[in-house]
Amino acid sequence: MSIEEVFSSKGRVKILRILAEIGELNISEIARRAGLNYATTNQHLLVLENQGLIRHKKFGRIRIFRFNEEKPRAKIIKKLIETWEQTNKSESNHE
């Protein structure tokens, strides 16, 4: 999958941003914060996980998702989101 395909979905970008900010969350909390339904969130998470950007761990039936820090692309995307948010705040303070 190309970078355009990964970033072509607002839902996927929202999920990546949420995980960059919070660290790790379960699917229900990701869905709530992203304003998406459970099924759509699950589909986006599967795509992101198949691309190696995120991973999950299981606690019984609960899956907790986080960035896959072992993958360079995931680390770069997380850093991009963090830098983007920091510069947004900095620019807002200067207006």
N, C-alpha and C. Protein backbone atom coordinates (compact mmCIF):
# COMPACT_ATOMS: atom_id res chain seq x y z
N MET A 1 0.86 -1.18 0.00
CA MET A 1 0.00 0.00 0.00
C MET A 1 0.90 1.24 0.00
N SER A 2 0.54 2.21 -0.80
CA SER A 2 1.33 3.44 -0.89
C SER A 2 1.00 4.39 0.26
N ILE A 3 1.86 5.36 0.44
CA ILE A 3 1.63 6.36 1.49
C ILE A 3 0.35 7.15 1.20
N GLU A 4 0.07 7.36 -0.08
CA GLU A 4 -1.17 8.07 -0.45
C GLU A 4 -2.39 7.29 0.01
N GLU A 5 -2.34 5.98 -0.14
CA GLU A 5 -3.47 5.15 0.28
C GLU A 5 -3.62 5.14 1.80
N VAL A 6 -2.52 5.11 2.52
CA VAL A 6 -2.59 5.13 3.98
C VAL A 6 -3.19 6.44 4.45
N PHE A 7 -2.72 7.56 3.89
CA PHE A 7 -3.17 8.88 4.33
C PHE A 7 -4.41 9.39 3.61
N SER A 8 -4.97 8.60 2.69
CA SER A 8 -6.14 9.05 1.93
C SER A 8 -7.43 9.01 2.74
N SER A 9 -7.39 8.38 3.88
CA SER A 9 -8.58 8.24 4.71
C SER A 9 -8.47 9.12 5.96
N LYS A 10 -9.44 10.01 6.13
CA LYS A 10 -9.46 10.84 7.33
C LYS A 10 -9.54 9.97 8.58
N GLY A 11 -10.27 8.87 8.49
CA GLY A 11 -10.40 7.97 9.62
C GLY A 11 -9.06 7.39 10.05
N ARG A 12 -8.27 6.95 9.09
CA ARG A 12 -6.96 6.39 9.42
C ARG A 12 -6.04 7.46 10.00
N VAL A 13 -6.08 8.66 9.43
CA VAL A 13 -5.25 9.75 9.94
C VAL A 13 -5.67 10.10 11.37
N LYS A 14 -6.99 10.14 11.62
CA LYS A 14 -7.47 10.42 12.98
C LYS A 14 -6.98 9.37 13.96
N ILE A 15 -7.06 8.12 13.56
CA ILE A 15 -6.61 7.02 14.44
C ILE A 15 -5.12 7.14 14.72
N LEU A 16 -4.33 7.41 13.71
CA LEU A 16 -2.89 7.57 13.91
C LEU A 16 -2.60 8.74 14.84
N ARG A 17 -3.32 9.83 14.66
CA ARG A 17 -3.13 11.00 15.51
C ARG A 17 -3.50 10.71 16.96
N ILE A 18 -4.59 10.02 17.17
CA ILE A 18 -5.04 9.66 18.51
C ILE A 18 -4.00 8.77 19.19
N LEU A 19 -3.52 7.76 18.48
CA LEU A 19 -2.53 6.86 19.07
C LEU A 19 -1.20 7.58 19.33
N ALA A 20 -0.85 8.55 18.48
CA ALA A 20 0.37 9.32 18.71
C ALA A 20 0.23 10.15 19.99
N GLU A 21 -0.95 10.72 20.21
CA GLU A 21 -1.20 11.55 21.39
C GLU A 21 -1.31 10.74 22.67
N ILE A 22 -2.12 9.69 22.64
CA ILE A 22 -2.48 8.96 23.85
C ILE A 22 -1.50 7.83 24.16
N GLY A 23 -0.99 7.18 23.15
CA GLY A 23 -0.09 6.06 23.37
C GLY A 23 -0.74 4.75 23.00
N GLU A 24 -1.66 4.29 23.83
CA GLU A 24 -2.35 3.04 23.51
C GLU A 24 -3.78 3.10 24.03
N LEU A 25 -4.68 2.52 23.25
CA LEU A 25 -6.10 2.52 23.58
C LEU A 25 -6.77 1.28 23.03
N ASN A 26 -7.93 0.96 23.60
CA ASN A 26 -8.73 -0.13 23.04
C ASN A 26 -9.58 0.40 21.89
N ILE A 27 -10.11 -0.51 21.11
CA ILE A 27 -10.83 -0.14 19.89
C ILE A 27 -12.05 0.74 20.17
N SER A 28 -12.77 0.47 21.24
CA SER A 28 -13.96 1.27 21.56
C SER A 28 -13.59 2.72 21.85
N GLU A 29 -12.52 2.91 22.58
CA GLU A 29 -12.07 4.27 22.92
C GLU A 29 -11.52 4.99 21.69
N ILE A 30 -10.83 4.26 20.83
CA ILE A 30 -10.34 4.85 19.58
C ILE A 30 -11.53 5.30 18.74
N ALA A 31 -12.53 4.44 18.61
CA ALA A 31 -13.72 4.76 17.83
C ALA A 31 -14.41 6.00 18.38
N ARG A 32 -14.56 6.06 19.70
CA ARG A 32 -15.24 7.20 20.33
C ARG A 32 -14.48 8.49 20.06
N ARG A 33 -13.18 8.48 20.29
CA ARG A 33 -12.36 9.69 20.10
C ARG A 33 -12.29 10.12 18.64
N ALA A 34 -12.32 9.15 17.72
CA ALA A 34 -12.23 9.47 16.28
C ALA A 34 -13.59 9.83 15.69
N GLY A 35 -14.67 9.57 16.44
CA GLY A 35 -16.01 9.84 15.92
C GLY A 35 -16.41 8.85 14.84
N LEU A 36 -15.93 7.62 14.97
CA LEU A 36 -16.21 6.57 13.99
C LEU A 36 -16.97 5.44 14.67
N ASN A 37 -17.68 4.64 13.88
CA ASN A 37 -18.33 3.47 14.47
C ASN A 37 -17.30 2.35 14.64
N TYR A 38 -17.69 1.35 15.39
CA TYR A 38 -16.79 0.25 15.73
C TYR A 38 -16.29 -0.48 14.49
N ALA A 39 -17.20 -0.80 13.57
CA ALA A 39 -16.83 -1.57 12.37
C ALA A 39 -15.83 -0.81 11.50
N THR A 40 -16.08 0.47 11.29
CA THR A 40 -15.18 1.29 10.48
C THR A 40 -13.81 1.41 11.15
N THR A 41 -13.82 1.63 12.46
CA THR A 41 -12.57 1.72 13.21
C THR A 41 -11.79 0.42 13.09
N ASN A 42 -12.48 -0.69 13.24
CA ASN A 42 -11.83 -1.99 13.14
C ASN A 42 -11.19 -2.19 11.76
N GLN A 43 -11.88 -1.79 10.70
CA GLN A 43 -11.34 -1.91 9.34
C GLN A 43 -10.07 -1.07 9.19
N HIS A 44 -10.11 0.17 9.68
CA HIS A 44 -8.94 1.05 9.59
C HIS A 44 -7.77 0.47 10.40
N LEU A 45 -8.07 -0.05 11.58
CA LEU A 45 -7.02 -0.64 12.40
C LEU A 45 -6.37 -1.84 11.71
N LEU A 46 -7.18 -2.64 11.03
CA LEU A 46 -6.64 -3.79 10.29
C LEU A 46 -5.70 -3.34 9.19
N VAL A 47 -6.08 -2.30 8.45
CA VAL A 47 -5.23 -1.78 7.38
C VAL A 47 -3.92 -1.27 7.97
N LEU A 48 -4.02 -0.48 9.04
CA LEU A 48 -2.81 0.09 9.65
C LEU A 48 -1.92 -1.00 10.23
N GLU A 49 -2.53 -2.02 10.80
CA GLU A 49 -1.74 -3.12 11.35
C GLU A 49 -1.09 -3.94 10.23
N ASN A 50 -1.82 -4.17 9.15
CA ASN A 50 -1.25 -4.91 8.01
C ASN A 50 -0.07 -4.17 7.39
N GLN A 51 -0.06 -2.84 7.52
CA GLN A 51 1.05 -2.03 7.01
C GLN A 51 2.19 -1.94 8.01
N GLY A 52 2.01 -2.53 9.18
CA GLY A 52 3.06 -2.54 10.19
C GLY A 52 3.16 -1.26 10.99
N LEU A 53 2.17 -0.36 10.84
CA LEU A 53 2.24 0.93 11.53
C LEU A 53 1.79 0.84 12.99
N ILE A 54 0.85 -0.03 13.25
CA ILE A 54 0.39 -0.22 14.62
C ILE A 54 0.41 -1.70 14.95
N ARG A 55 0.29 -2.01 16.21
CA ARG A 55 0.19 -3.39 16.65
C ARG A 55 -0.78 -3.44 17.81
N HIS A 56 -1.18 -4.64 18.16
CA HIS A 56 -2.08 -4.77 19.31
C HIS A 56 -1.60 -5.89 20.22
N LYS A 57 -2.06 -5.80 21.43
CA LYS A 57 -1.87 -6.89 22.39
C LYS A 57 -3.24 -7.21 22.95
N LYS A 58 -3.42 -8.45 23.34
CA LYS A 58 -4.72 -8.91 23.81
C LYS A 58 -4.70 -9.14 25.31
N PHE A 59 -5.79 -8.74 25.93
CA PHE A 59 -6.06 -9.04 27.33
C PHE A 59 -7.44 -9.67 27.34
N GLY A 60 -7.47 -10.99 27.25
CA GLY A 60 -8.76 -11.67 27.09
C GLY A 60 -9.35 -11.30 25.75
N ARG A 61 -10.54 -10.71 25.76
CA ARG A 61 -11.20 -10.30 24.51
C ARG A 61 -10.86 -8.87 24.12
N ILE A 62 -10.16 -8.15 24.98
CA ILE A 62 -9.85 -6.75 24.73
C ILE A 62 -8.53 -6.64 23.97
N ARG A 63 -8.55 -5.83 22.90
CA ARG A 63 -7.33 -5.56 22.14
C ARG A 63 -6.91 -4.11 22.40
N ILE A 64 -5.65 -3.93 22.74
CA ILE A 64 -5.10 -2.61 22.98
C ILE A 64 -4.14 -2.29 21.83
N PHE A 65 -4.37 -1.14 21.16
CA PHE A 65 -3.58 -0.76 19.99
C PHE A 65 -2.60 0.35 20.33
N ARG A 66 -1.43 0.30 19.66
CA ARG A 66 -0.41 1.34 19.82
C ARG A 66 0.45 1.36 18.56
N PHE A 67 1.25 2.42 18.42
CA PHE A 67 2.19 2.48 17.30
C PHE A 67 3.17 1.33 17.42
N ASN A 68 3.61 0.81 16.28
CA ASN A 68 4.59 -0.27 16.24
C ASN A 68 5.99 0.36 16.20
N GLU A 69 6.52 0.67 17.36
CA GLU A 69 7.80 1.38 17.48
C GLU A 69 8.98 0.62 16.86
N GLU A 70 8.80 -0.66 16.57
CA GLU A 70 9.87 -1.45 15.97
C GLU A 70 10.03 -1.16 14.48
N LYS A 71 9.02 -0.57 13.87
CA LYS A 71 9.04 -0.30 12.43
C LYS A 71 9.42 1.15 12.17
N PRO A 72 10.44 1.39 11.34
CA PRO A 72 10.88 2.77 11.05
C PRO A 72 9.76 3.66 10.51
N ARG A 73 8.93 3.13 9.61
CA ARG A 73 7.84 3.95 9.06
C ARG A 73 6.88 4.41 10.14
N ALA A 74 6.56 3.53 11.07
CA ALA A 74 5.64 3.88 12.16
C ALA A 74 6.25 4.97 13.04
N LYS A 75 7.54 4.83 13.35
CA LYS A 75 8.22 5.83 14.17
C LYS A 75 8.24 7.19 13.47
N ILE A 76 8.47 7.17 12.17
CA ILE A 76 8.52 8.41 11.39
C ILE A 76 7.15 9.08 11.37
N ILE A 77 6.11 8.30 11.15
CA ILE A 77 4.75 8.86 11.11
C ILE A 77 4.37 9.43 12.48
N LYS A 78 4.70 8.72 13.54
CA LYS A 78 4.42 9.21 14.88
C LYS A 78 5.15 10.52 15.13
N LYS A 79 6.42 10.59 14.74
CA LYS A 79 7.21 11.82 14.91
C LYS A 79 6.63 12.96 14.08
N LEU A 80 6.19 12.67 12.86
CA LEU A 80 5.56 13.67 12.01
C LEU A 80 4.33 14.25 12.69
N ILE A 81 3.47 13.40 13.21
CA ILE A 81 2.24 13.85 13.87
C ILE A 81 2.58 14.70 15.09
N GLU A 82 3.52 14.23 15.90
CA GLU A 82 3.91 14.98 17.10
C GLU A 82 4.48 16.35 16.73
N THR A 83 5.34 16.40 15.72
CA THR A 83 5.93 17.66 15.29
C THR A 83 4.87 18.59 14.72
N TRP A 84 3.96 18.04 13.95
CA TRP A 84 2.87 18.83 13.37
C TRP A 84 2.04 19.48 14.47
N GLU A 85 1.69 18.69 15.48
CA GLU A 85 0.87 19.21 16.59
C GLU A 85 1.63 20.28 17.37
N GLN A 86 2.91 20.08 17.61
CA GLN A 86 3.72 21.06 18.34
C GLN A 86 3.82 22.37 17.58
N THR A 87 4.05 22.29 16.27
CA THR A 87 4.16 23.52 15.49
C THR A 87 2.82 24.22 15.36
N ASN A 88 1.73 23.46 15.33
CA ASN A 88 0.40 24.07 15.33
C ASN A 88 0.18 24.89 16.59
N LYS A 89 0.54 24.32 17.74
CA LYS A 89 0.39 25.02 19.01
C LYS A 89 1.28 26.25 19.05
N SER A 90 2.51 26.10 18.58
CA SER A 90 3.46 27.21 18.56
C SER A 90 2.96 28.34 17.66
N GLU A 91 2.47 28.01 16.48
CA GLU A 91 1.95 29.02 15.56
C GLU A 91 0.72 29.71 16.11
N SER A 92 -0.13 28.95 16.81
CA SER A 92 -1.34 29.52 17.42
C SER A 92 -0.99 30.53 18.50
N ASN A 93 0.07 30.29 19.24
CA ASN A 93 0.50 31.20 20.30
C ASN A 93 1.07 32.49 19.76
N HIS A 94 1.55 32.47 18.52
CA HIS A 94 2.17 33.66 17.94
C HIS A 94 1.18 34.54 17.18
N GLU A 95 -0.06 34.09 17.08
CA GLU A 95 -1.07 34.88 16.33
C GLU A 95 -1.74 35.87 17.23
